[in-house]
N, C-alpha and C. Protein backbone atom coordinates (compact mmCIF):
# COMPACT_ATOMS: atom_id res chain seq x y z
N MET A 1 48.25 26.07 23.40
CA MET A 1 48.51 24.89 22.90
C MET A 1 47.05 23.82 22.77
N LYS A 2 47.14 22.55 21.89
CA LYS A 2 46.22 22.04 21.63
C LYS A 2 46.22 21.20 22.51
N ASN A 3 44.87 20.18 22.83
CA ASN A 3 45.20 19.17 23.74
C ASN A 3 44.63 18.07 22.89
N PHE A 4 45.41 16.91 22.96
CA PHE A 4 45.20 16.07 21.85
C PHE A 4 45.05 14.75 23.10
N ASP A 5 43.54 14.53 23.31
CA ASP A 5 43.25 13.77 24.18
C ASP A 5 42.53 12.77 23.39
N THR A 6 42.41 12.34 22.30
CA THR A 6 41.81 11.47 21.75
C THR A 6 42.78 10.12 21.09
N TYR A 7 42.53 8.95 20.87
CA TYR A 7 43.56 7.97 20.22
C TYR A 7 43.49 8.26 19.01
N SER A 8 44.46 8.30 17.93
CA SER A 8 44.85 8.37 16.53
C SER A 8 45.54 7.69 15.88
N ALA A 9 45.28 7.07 14.61
CA ALA A 9 46.09 6.29 13.90
C ALA A 9 46.99 7.26 12.76
N ARG A 10 46.81 8.49 13.23
CA ARG A 10 47.43 9.51 12.10
C ARG A 10 49.05 9.04 12.16
N LEU A 11 49.61 8.60 13.01
CA LEU A 11 51.09 8.42 12.60
C LEU A 11 51.48 7.32 11.31
N THR A 12 50.27 6.59 11.06
CA THR A 12 50.67 5.57 10.09
C THR A 12 51.12 6.10 8.67
N GLY A 13 50.66 7.33 8.79
CA GLY A 13 51.21 8.31 7.61
C GLY A 13 52.13 9.48 7.92
N ASN A 14 52.37 9.66 9.20
CA ASN A 14 53.29 10.75 8.99
C ASN A 14 54.31 10.40 10.12
N PRO A 15 55.50 9.53 9.97
CA PRO A 15 56.57 9.08 10.79
C PRO A 15 57.11 10.04 11.26
N PHE A 16 58.59 9.92 11.89
CA PHE A 16 59.52 10.85 12.35
C PHE A 16 59.48 12.34 11.70
N LEU A 17 59.69 12.23 10.30
CA LEU A 17 59.15 13.57 9.83
C LEU A 17 60.74 14.70 10.10
N PHE A 18 61.78 14.30 10.65
CA PHE A 18 62.78 14.94 11.37
C PHE A 18 63.42 15.79 10.46
N PHE A 19 63.87 15.71 9.13
CA PHE A 19 64.25 16.41 8.05
C PHE A 19 63.21 17.68 7.88
N GLU A 20 62.01 17.29 7.59
CA GLU A 20 61.03 18.10 7.71
C GLU A 20 60.57 19.17 8.64
N MET A 21 60.73 18.60 9.79
CA MET A 21 60.68 19.18 10.92
C MET A 21 61.68 20.90 11.19
N LYS A 22 62.85 20.29 11.19
CA LYS A 22 64.01 21.04 11.01
C LYS A 22 63.99 22.02 10.00
N THR A 23 63.74 21.91 8.83
CA THR A 23 63.35 22.62 7.79
C THR A 23 62.58 23.69 8.05
N THR A 24 61.19 23.60 8.17
CA THR A 24 60.05 24.24 8.67
C THR A 24 60.39 25.02 9.85
N ALA A 25 61.03 24.55 11.17
CA ALA A 25 61.34 25.13 12.33
C ALA A 25 62.22 26.22 11.86
N GLY A 26 63.13 26.12 11.16
CA GLY A 26 64.18 27.09 10.49
C GLY A 26 63.27 28.36 9.91
N LEU A 27 62.09 28.17 8.80
CA LEU A 27 61.71 28.92 8.35
C LEU A 27 60.87 30.04 9.38
N LEU A 28 59.89 28.92 10.63
CA LEU A 28 59.19 29.47 11.46
C LEU A 28 60.21 30.65 12.21
N LEU A 29 61.44 30.38 12.71
CA LEU A 29 62.58 31.11 13.31
C LEU A 29 62.78 32.42 12.66
N LYS A 30 62.88 32.09 11.28
CA LYS A 30 62.86 33.43 10.18
C LYS A 30 61.59 34.41 10.03
N GLY A 31 60.72 33.98 11.17
CA GLY A 31 59.61 34.98 10.87
C GLY A 31 58.36 34.77 9.70
N LEU A 32 58.60 34.01 9.29
CA LEU A 32 57.90 33.33 8.15
C LEU A 32 56.29 32.75 8.87
N SER A 33 55.25 33.12 8.07
CA SER A 33 53.67 32.74 8.41
C SER A 33 54.09 31.83 7.97
N LYS A 34 52.79 30.72 8.65
CA LYS A 34 52.71 29.22 8.03
C LYS A 34 52.04 29.32 6.39
N GLN A 35 51.40 30.30 6.30
CA GLN A 35 50.94 30.53 4.90
C GLN A 35 52.13 30.88 3.82
N GLU A 36 53.22 31.44 4.49
CA GLU A 36 54.46 31.78 3.63
C GLU A 36 55.33 30.44 3.49
N ILE A 37 55.11 29.84 4.75
CA ILE A 37 55.89 28.33 4.89
C ILE A 37 55.33 27.51 3.85
N SER A 38 53.87 27.26 3.62
CA SER A 38 53.41 26.60 3.08
C SER A 38 53.70 26.76 1.33
N ARG A 39 53.77 28.17 1.07
CA ARG A 39 53.99 28.06 -0.37
C ARG A 39 55.39 27.99 -0.44
N LYS A 40 56.30 28.28 0.11
CA LYS A 40 57.91 28.05 -0.15
C LYS A 40 58.23 26.32 -0.06
N VAL A 41 57.73 26.03 0.72
CA VAL A 41 57.97 24.42 0.67
C VAL A 41 57.22 23.63 -0.52
N ARG A 42 56.19 24.18 -0.89
CA ARG A 42 55.91 23.61 -2.07
C ARG A 42 56.04 23.99 -3.34
N GLU A 43 56.44 25.40 -3.66
CA GLU A 43 57.20 25.90 -4.82
C GLU A 43 58.64 25.46 -4.77
N GLU A 44 59.40 25.68 -3.72
CA GLU A 44 60.42 25.18 -3.84
C GLU A 44 61.01 23.64 -3.62
N ASN A 45 59.88 22.71 -3.30
CA ASN A 45 59.98 21.47 -2.99
C ASN A 45 61.14 21.43 -1.89
N LEU A 46 61.11 22.07 -0.85
CA LEU A 46 62.16 21.80 0.64
C LEU A 46 62.02 20.78 0.96
N PHE A 47 61.02 19.88 0.97
CA PHE A 47 61.39 18.46 1.72
C PHE A 47 61.85 17.40 0.67
N GLN A 48 62.17 18.19 -0.03
CA GLN A 48 62.95 17.03 -1.25
C GLN A 48 62.16 15.67 -1.74
N TYR A 49 60.84 16.02 -2.05
CA TYR A 49 59.86 14.62 -2.30
C TYR A 49 59.91 14.66 -3.60
N LYS A 50 59.93 13.33 -4.11
CA LYS A 50 59.98 13.11 -5.72
C LYS A 50 58.51 13.34 -6.45
N THR A 51 57.48 13.52 -5.55
CA THR A 51 56.27 14.13 -6.04
C THR A 51 55.86 15.16 -5.04
N THR A 52 54.79 16.11 -5.42
CA THR A 52 54.49 16.89 -4.26
C THR A 52 52.85 16.24 -3.49
N LYS A 53 52.41 15.18 -4.02
CA LYS A 53 51.32 14.94 -3.32
C LYS A 53 51.27 14.67 -1.94
N SER A 54 51.89 14.05 -1.40
CA SER A 54 51.98 14.09 0.48
C SER A 54 52.61 15.52 0.93
N ILE A 55 53.17 16.36 0.23
CA ILE A 55 53.44 17.65 0.85
C ILE A 55 52.57 18.31 1.73
N GLY A 56 51.50 18.50 1.25
CA GLY A 56 50.46 19.07 2.28
C GLY A 56 50.06 18.54 3.60
N LYS A 57 49.81 17.14 3.34
CA LYS A 57 49.56 16.19 4.53
C LYS A 57 50.83 16.41 5.64
N ARG A 58 51.84 15.97 4.85
CA ARG A 58 53.10 15.89 5.87
C ARG A 58 53.48 17.54 6.63
N LEU A 59 53.38 18.65 5.97
CA LEU A 59 53.51 19.84 6.25
C LEU A 59 52.31 20.07 7.45
N ASN A 60 51.08 19.59 7.27
CA ASN A 60 50.24 20.02 8.34
C ASN A 60 50.39 19.09 9.47
N ALA A 61 51.13 17.88 9.19
CA ALA A 61 51.65 17.14 10.60
C ALA A 61 52.84 17.98 11.49
N VAL A 62 53.60 18.28 10.63
CA VAL A 62 54.87 18.84 11.07
C VAL A 62 54.19 20.57 11.86
N LEU A 63 53.59 21.11 10.95
CA LEU A 63 53.23 22.68 12.04
C LEU A 63 52.20 22.38 13.29
N LEU A 64 51.73 21.05 13.20
CA LEU A 64 50.70 20.70 14.40
C LEU A 64 52.10 20.34 15.60
N ARG A 65 52.96 19.63 14.98
CA ARG A 65 54.01 19.26 16.12
C ARG A 65 54.99 20.35 16.39
N LEU A 66 55.24 21.43 15.67
CA LEU A 66 56.11 22.66 15.89
C LEU A 66 55.30 23.57 16.72
N ASP A 67 53.74 23.37 16.69
CA ASP A 67 52.93 24.22 17.24
C ASP A 67 53.20 24.11 18.99
N VAL A 68 53.68 23.13 19.55
CA VAL A 68 54.06 22.72 20.96
C VAL A 68 55.12 23.37 21.41
N LEU A 69 55.80 23.82 20.61
CA LEU A 69 57.25 24.16 21.13
C LEU A 69 57.34 25.82 21.23
N ASP A 70 58.05 25.68 22.26
CA ASP A 70 58.15 27.67 22.60
C ASP A 70 59.34 27.93 21.78
N ASN A 71 59.99 29.19 21.97
CA ASN A 71 60.99 29.41 20.86
C ASN A 71 62.19 28.85 21.50
N THR A 72 62.58 28.70 22.61
CA THR A 72 63.51 27.85 23.21
C THR A 72 63.41 26.44 22.84
N LEU A 73 62.81 25.86 22.68
CA LEU A 73 62.81 24.50 22.12
C LEU A 73 62.95 24.55 20.37
N LEU A 74 62.26 25.56 19.83
CA LEU A 74 62.17 25.72 18.57
C LEU A 74 63.80 26.18 18.08
N LYS A 75 64.69 27.10 18.71
CA LYS A 75 65.96 27.04 18.29
C LYS A 75 66.66 25.94 18.73
N LEU A 76 66.55 25.24 19.93
CA LEU A 76 67.40 24.06 20.16
C LEU A 76 67.10 22.77 18.83
N LEU A 77 65.84 22.74 18.22
CA LEU A 77 65.46 21.64 17.39
C LEU A 77 66.35 22.11 16.31
N VAL A 78 66.83 23.39 16.05
CA VAL A 78 67.18 23.86 14.30
C VAL A 78 68.77 24.00 14.78
N ASN A 79 69.27 24.36 15.85
CA ASN A 79 70.84 24.62 16.19
C ASN A 79 71.57 23.64 16.73
N ALA A 80 70.56 22.93 17.98
CA ALA A 80 71.49 21.75 18.94
C ALA A 80 72.12 20.85 17.91
N SER A 81 72.65 19.87 18.53
CA SER A 81 73.25 18.57 18.13
C SER A 81 71.98 17.84 17.83
N SER A 82 72.33 16.97 16.62
CA SER A 82 71.41 16.07 15.96
C SER A 82 70.68 15.18 17.00
N GLU A 83 71.50 14.83 17.82
CA GLU A 83 70.82 14.18 19.00
C GLU A 83 69.90 14.41 20.19
N THR A 84 70.24 15.86 20.16
CA THR A 84 69.46 16.64 20.82
C THR A 84 68.09 17.22 20.15
N ALA A 85 68.08 17.35 18.98
CA ALA A 85 67.26 17.83 18.16
C ALA A 85 66.35 16.31 17.94
N LYS A 86 66.49 15.62 17.83
CA LYS A 86 66.10 14.45 17.81
C LYS A 86 65.14 14.30 18.81
N ILE A 87 65.85 14.37 20.40
CA ILE A 87 64.74 14.26 21.19
C ILE A 87 63.41 14.85 21.21
N ILE A 88 63.84 16.13 20.89
CA ILE A 88 62.96 17.71 20.67
C ILE A 88 61.81 16.77 19.80
N ALA A 89 62.27 16.40 18.77
CA ALA A 89 61.06 15.94 17.60
C ALA A 89 60.50 14.88 18.14
N LEU A 90 60.89 13.75 19.11
CA LEU A 90 60.32 12.98 19.84
C LEU A 90 59.23 13.41 20.73
N TYR A 91 59.62 14.41 21.19
CA TYR A 91 59.21 14.85 22.23
C TYR A 91 57.58 15.42 21.69
N THR A 92 57.76 16.28 20.86
CA THR A 92 56.75 16.80 19.76
C THR A 92 55.78 15.44 19.37
N ILE A 93 56.19 14.51 19.30
CA ILE A 93 55.06 13.51 19.00
C ILE A 93 54.51 12.79 19.96
N MET A 94 55.22 12.91 21.36
CA MET A 94 54.40 12.64 22.54
C MET A 94 53.48 13.49 22.83
N LYS A 95 53.77 14.39 22.47
CA LYS A 95 52.85 16.02 22.75
C LYS A 95 51.48 15.82 22.05
N THR A 96 51.69 15.26 20.62
CA THR A 96 50.56 15.59 19.84
C THR A 96 49.74 14.32 19.34
N ASP A 97 50.33 13.27 20.04
CA ASP A 97 49.78 11.88 19.59
C ASP A 97 49.67 10.72 21.19
N LEU A 98 48.26 11.10 21.41
CA LEU A 98 48.07 10.53 22.94
C LEU A 98 48.53 8.88 22.91
N LEU A 99 48.41 8.47 21.89
CA LEU A 99 48.48 6.55 21.92
C LEU A 99 50.05 6.36 22.02
N PHE A 100 50.74 7.02 21.22
CA PHE A 100 52.12 6.75 21.42
C PHE A 100 52.76 7.49 22.46
N TYR A 101 52.25 8.37 23.29
CA TYR A 101 52.98 9.16 24.55
C TYR A 101 52.19 8.22 25.59
N GLU A 102 51.19 7.58 25.59
CA GLU A 102 50.77 6.47 26.48
C GLU A 102 51.92 4.93 26.52
N PHE A 103 52.37 4.82 24.92
CA PHE A 103 53.26 3.68 24.88
C PHE A 103 54.17 3.85 25.32
N MET A 104 55.18 5.12 25.47
CA MET A 104 56.03 5.60 25.65
C MET A 104 56.48 5.11 27.36
N GLN A 105 55.15 5.82 28.14
CA GLN A 105 55.03 5.99 29.23
C GLN A 105 54.97 4.53 29.96
N GLU A 106 54.05 3.62 29.15
CA GLU A 106 53.38 2.46 29.81
C GLU A 106 54.65 0.78 29.29
N GLU A 107 55.00 1.53 28.44
CA GLU A 107 55.89 0.01 27.93
C GLU A 107 57.42 0.55 27.88
N PHE A 108 57.77 1.73 27.07
CA PHE A 108 59.29 2.13 27.05
C PHE A 108 59.90 2.47 28.42
N LYS A 109 59.33 3.10 29.08
CA LYS A 109 59.59 3.69 30.08
C LYS A 109 60.01 2.58 31.58
N THR A 110 58.73 1.86 31.05
CA THR A 110 59.03 0.29 32.23
C THR A 110 60.28 -0.46 31.96
N LYS A 111 60.56 -0.62 30.50
CA LYS A 111 61.76 -1.21 30.05
C LYS A 111 62.86 -0.70 30.87
N HIS A 112 62.87 0.68 30.85
CA HIS A 112 64.01 1.40 31.42
C HIS A 112 64.01 1.15 33.19
N LEU A 113 63.03 1.21 33.84
CA LEU A 113 62.84 1.06 35.30
C LEU A 113 63.11 -0.51 35.59
N LEU A 114 63.09 -1.54 34.66
CA LEU A 114 63.16 -3.10 35.09
C LEU A 114 64.47 -3.31 34.21
N ARG A 115 65.14 -2.60 34.04
CA ARG A 115 66.52 -2.46 33.46
C ARG A 115 66.65 -3.54 32.22
N GLN A 116 65.79 -3.16 31.44
CA GLN A 116 65.39 -4.19 30.31
C GLN A 116 66.32 -3.80 29.25
N ASP A 117 66.95 -4.29 28.30
CA ASP A 117 68.04 -4.07 27.31
C ASP A 117 67.16 -3.87 26.00
N ARG A 118 66.35 -4.29 25.74
CA ARG A 118 65.71 -4.64 24.53
C ARG A 118 63.74 -4.37 24.79
N LEU A 119 63.56 -4.01 23.58
CA LEU A 119 62.08 -4.13 23.30
C LEU A 119 61.71 -5.13 22.68
N GLU A 120 60.84 -5.71 22.89
CA GLU A 120 60.28 -6.98 21.86
C GLU A 120 58.85 -6.47 21.15
N ARG A 121 58.99 -7.08 20.28
CA ARG A 121 57.71 -6.67 19.10
C ARG A 121 56.19 -7.22 19.75
N VAL A 122 56.58 -8.38 21.04
CA VAL A 122 55.33 -8.83 21.46
C VAL A 122 54.72 -7.77 22.59
N ASP A 123 55.97 -6.80 22.85
CA ASP A 123 55.44 -5.76 24.00
C ASP A 123 54.57 -4.84 23.22
N LEU A 124 54.83 -4.60 21.95
CA LEU A 124 53.90 -3.43 20.84
C LEU A 124 52.58 -4.19 20.63
N VAL A 125 52.47 -5.50 20.48
CA VAL A 125 51.36 -6.27 20.16
C VAL A 125 50.48 -6.26 21.50
N SER A 126 51.28 -6.58 22.35
CA SER A 126 50.28 -6.52 24.01
C SER A 126 49.97 -5.16 24.16
N TYR A 127 50.49 -4.25 23.74
CA TYR A 127 50.25 -2.73 23.96
C TYR A 127 49.01 -2.67 23.37
N PHE A 128 48.89 -2.59 22.14
CA PHE A 128 47.79 -2.27 21.26
C PHE A 128 46.61 -3.24 21.51
N ALA A 129 46.66 -4.48 22.03
CA ALA A 129 45.75 -5.44 22.25
C ALA A 129 45.26 -5.06 23.67
N ARG A 130 46.12 -4.24 24.30
CA ARG A 130 45.30 -3.72 25.98
C ARG A 130 44.26 -2.24 25.71
N LYS A 131 45.06 -1.83 24.62
CA LYS A 131 44.36 -0.75 24.30
C LYS A 131 42.83 -0.92 23.36
N GLY A 132 42.85 -2.00 22.84
CA GLY A 132 41.65 -2.15 22.15
C GLY A 132 40.96 -2.89 23.06
N GLU A 133 40.79 -3.17 24.27
CA GLU A 133 40.34 -3.61 25.20
C GLU A 133 39.73 -2.35 26.13
N GLN A 134 40.34 -1.70 25.81
CA GLN A 134 40.19 -0.48 26.99
C GLN A 134 39.58 0.89 25.77
N SER A 135 39.68 0.72 24.38
CA SER A 135 39.14 1.98 23.80
C SER A 135 38.24 1.49 22.36
N SER A 136 37.05 1.67 22.49
CA SER A 136 36.33 1.31 21.03
C SER A 136 36.97 1.82 19.85
N THR A 137 37.54 3.00 19.81
CA THR A 137 38.57 3.55 18.82
C THR A 137 39.48 2.76 18.14
N VAL A 138 40.27 2.06 19.09
CA VAL A 138 41.54 1.42 18.73
C VAL A 138 41.16 -0.10 18.13
N ALA A 139 39.80 -0.80 18.90
CA ALA A 139 39.24 -2.11 18.98
C ALA A 139 38.70 -2.09 17.56
N GLY A 140 38.30 -0.64 16.84
CA GLY A 140 37.55 -0.77 15.35
C GLY A 140 38.63 -0.82 14.53
N TRP A 141 39.63 -0.82 14.76
CA TRP A 141 41.13 -0.69 13.68
C TRP A 141 41.27 -1.87 13.22
N GLN A 142 41.29 -1.71 11.86
CA GLN A 142 41.68 -3.33 10.93
C GLN A 142 43.26 -3.64 11.68
N ASP A 143 43.52 -4.81 11.43
CA ASP A 143 45.12 -5.54 12.06
C ASP A 143 46.10 -5.01 10.92
N TYR A 144 45.69 -4.88 9.90
CA TYR A 144 46.63 -3.73 8.99
C TYR A 144 47.15 -2.31 9.86
N THR A 145 46.21 -1.61 10.50
CA THR A 145 46.49 -0.22 10.83
C THR A 145 47.31 -0.43 12.00
N ILE A 146 46.92 -1.42 12.79
CA ILE A 146 47.54 -2.04 13.90
C ILE A 146 49.42 -2.36 13.52
N HIS A 147 49.48 -2.90 12.74
CA HIS A 147 50.73 -3.78 12.17
C HIS A 147 51.33 -2.71 11.41
N LYS A 148 50.61 -1.81 10.87
CA LYS A 148 51.67 -0.58 10.37
C LYS A 148 52.26 0.46 11.69
N LEU A 149 50.85 0.74 12.42
CA LEU A 149 51.78 1.23 13.74
C LEU A 149 52.74 0.87 14.15
N ILE A 150 52.80 -0.46 14.92
CA ILE A 150 53.90 -1.05 15.03
C ILE A 150 55.39 -0.81 14.33
N GLN A 151 55.21 -0.87 13.50
CA GLN A 151 56.28 -0.84 12.30
C GLN A 151 56.74 0.75 12.26
N VAL A 152 55.64 1.54 12.56
CA VAL A 152 56.12 3.44 12.66
C VAL A 152 56.45 3.49 13.97
N TYR A 153 55.99 2.80 15.08
CA TYR A 153 56.51 3.31 16.41
C TYR A 153 58.37 2.53 16.71
N ILE A 154 58.42 1.49 15.91
CA ILE A 154 59.75 1.12 15.69
C ILE A 154 60.69 2.27 15.16
N ARG A 155 59.94 2.71 13.97
CA ARG A 155 60.82 3.31 13.22
C ARG A 155 61.18 4.74 13.52
N ILE A 156 60.31 4.83 14.41
CA ILE A 156 60.50 6.58 15.21
C ILE A 156 61.43 6.61 16.24
N LEU A 157 61.43 5.15 17.19
CA LEU A 157 62.45 5.20 18.01
C LEU A 157 63.74 4.87 17.50
N ILE A 158 63.62 3.93 16.34
CA ILE A 158 65.25 4.30 15.78
C ILE A 158 65.80 5.18 15.34
N ASP A 159 64.76 6.17 14.46
CA ASP A 159 65.52 7.71 14.25
C ASP A 159 65.43 8.72 15.00
N ALA A 160 64.99 8.62 16.37
CA ALA A 160 65.14 9.32 17.44
C ALA A 160 66.47 8.71 18.25
N GLY A 161 66.78 7.78 18.12
CA GLY A 161 68.11 7.33 18.65
C GLY A 161 67.79 6.21 20.11
N LEU A 162 66.48 5.92 19.87
CA LEU A 162 66.32 5.18 21.52
C LEU A 162 66.21 3.54 21.35
N ILE A 163 66.56 3.30 20.27
CA ILE A 163 66.69 1.80 19.69
C ILE A 163 67.88 1.93 18.70
N LYS A 164 68.62 0.70 18.74
CA LYS A 164 69.71 0.77 17.94
C LYS A 164 69.63 0.21 16.27
N ASP A 165 68.31 -0.54 16.31
CA ASP A 165 68.28 -1.26 15.16
C ASP A 165 67.00 -2.00 15.03
N GLU A 166 66.33 -2.35 13.75
CA GLU A 166 64.89 -3.03 13.53
C GLU A 166 65.08 -4.11 13.88
N LYS A 167 66.28 -4.94 13.91
CA LYS A 167 66.76 -6.32 14.41
C LYS A 167 66.43 -6.74 15.42
N SER A 168 67.58 -5.93 16.39
CA SER A 168 67.74 -6.42 17.71
C SER A 168 66.88 -5.48 18.64
N LEU A 169 66.42 -4.51 18.42
CA LEU A 169 65.50 -3.88 18.91
C LEU A 169 66.20 -3.60 20.29
N ILE A 170 67.40 -3.48 20.26
CA ILE A 170 68.42 -2.86 21.53
C ILE A 170 67.82 -1.56 21.73
N ILE A 171 67.36 -1.16 23.37
CA ILE A 171 67.21 0.10 23.82
C ILE A 171 68.75 0.60 24.02
N SER A 172 68.75 2.10 23.17
CA SER A 172 70.10 2.76 23.25
C SER A 172 69.38 4.26 23.86
N ALA A 173 69.47 4.67 25.44
CA ALA A 173 69.01 5.86 25.59
C ALA A 173 70.01 7.02 25.63
N PRO A 174 69.73 7.68 24.71
CA PRO A 174 70.45 9.00 24.48
C PRO A 174 70.58 9.69 25.94
N VAL A 175 71.94 10.53 25.86
CA VAL A 175 72.02 11.76 26.75
C VAL A 175 71.34 12.84 26.58
N MET A 176 70.57 13.05 27.46
CA MET A 176 70.12 14.45 27.02
C MET A 176 70.85 15.77 27.72
N GLU A 177 71.12 16.60 26.92
CA GLU A 177 71.35 17.90 27.49
C GLU A 177 71.21 18.41 28.46
N PRO A 178 72.02 18.66 29.43
CA PRO A 178 71.35 19.62 30.62
C PRO A 178 70.45 20.77 30.50
N ASN A 179 70.53 21.69 29.28
CA ASN A 179 69.80 22.80 29.18
C ASN A 179 68.48 22.21 28.63
N LEU A 180 68.30 21.44 28.12
CA LEU A 180 66.95 20.57 27.67
C LEU A 180 66.50 20.19 28.74
N LYS A 181 67.09 19.35 29.55
CA LYS A 181 66.44 18.64 30.78
C LYS A 181 66.13 19.53 31.51
N GLN A 182 66.81 20.87 31.80
CA GLN A 182 66.02 21.66 32.67
C GLN A 182 65.39 22.64 32.36
N HIS A 183 65.08 22.88 31.01
CA HIS A 183 64.00 23.67 30.10
C HIS A 183 62.60 22.93 30.53
N LEU A 184 62.88 21.54 30.21
CA LEU A 184 61.38 20.67 30.28
C LEU A 184 61.02 20.76 31.66
N LYS A 185 61.84 20.45 32.51
CA LYS A 185 61.67 20.69 34.12
C LYS A 185 61.16 21.65 34.73
N ILE A 186 61.37 22.93 34.23
CA ILE A 186 61.20 24.41 34.41
C ILE A 186 59.35 24.48 34.08
N ASN A 187 59.41 23.65 32.71
CA ASN A 187 57.83 23.90 32.41
C ASN A 187 57.08 22.97 32.62
N GLY A 188 57.36 21.87 33.56
CA GLY A 188 56.58 20.91 34.15
C GLY A 188 56.24 19.75 33.26
N GLU A 189 57.64 19.76 32.44
CA GLU A 189 57.53 18.37 31.42
C GLU A 189 58.37 17.02 31.70
N GLU A 190 58.30 16.90 33.02
CA GLU A 190 58.86 15.78 33.34
C GLU A 190 58.91 14.38 33.08
N GLN A 191 57.53 14.44 33.04
CA GLN A 191 57.20 12.99 32.84
C GLN A 191 57.33 12.32 31.19
N TYR A 192 57.66 13.88 30.44
CA TYR A 192 58.36 13.40 29.12
C TYR A 192 60.05 12.75 29.18
N ILE A 193 60.41 13.49 30.26
CA ILE A 193 61.83 12.84 30.20
C ILE A 193 62.03 11.98 30.86
N GLN A 194 61.05 11.19 31.68
CA GLN A 194 60.95 9.93 32.35
C GLN A 194 60.64 8.58 31.44
N ALA A 195 59.74 9.49 30.26
CA ALA A 195 59.24 8.43 29.35
C ALA A 195 60.42 7.80 28.29
N MET A 196 61.21 8.95 28.04
CA MET A 196 62.17 8.86 26.96
C MET A 196 63.33 8.03 27.71
N LEU A 197 63.73 8.81 29.08
CA LEU A 197 65.27 8.29 29.41
C LEU A 197 65.03 7.21 30.70
N GLY A 198 63.59 7.17 31.06
CA GLY A 198 63.43 6.28 32.38
C GLY A 198 63.70 6.79 33.86
N GLY A 199 63.82 7.99 33.98
CA GLY A 199 64.36 8.68 35.03
C GLY A 199 64.21 10.08 35.01
N SER A 200 64.33 10.94 36.26
CA SER A 200 64.22 12.41 36.14
C SER A 200 65.82 13.18 36.33
């Protein structure tokens, strides 16, 4: 597995991508190679995009995320309930994007621990300001990039089922299926459970 240990703004162009991930994961489980998947997705427009312009970029992002899943999690992504599959999709984003992972640890988990029922936009603004002080990479980003990342972070949490809607930003922690929680624990991934649910 790759080690994603640098800050990146790649999420501005690659949001939750849940449909794309489930579609691609299904092809992987059928034994198709990445090259075969790329050809099939493009030729049959499996992502159902109006134009093919962004398929390559999105597919690369999807394959990068799916790369962190073992076969058990890949099967759950494809076959489990929508709620469970979305948690796995969120897990892959945390595994492949350090800045988003640290946001989940430092801001979202803290909301759970303090029993606060909503995420405030100021929390995200403060988070990126703090990271700008800590990282020359983040400090070098334009205001537009930060604004876009804030929008994408909120949208990811909504799509994953961890926030109810964009207006209220009320936190709505999903129930994690015991088999998924146990599998993550066995593989030493408890910090990801805690980041999403606020506890172990």
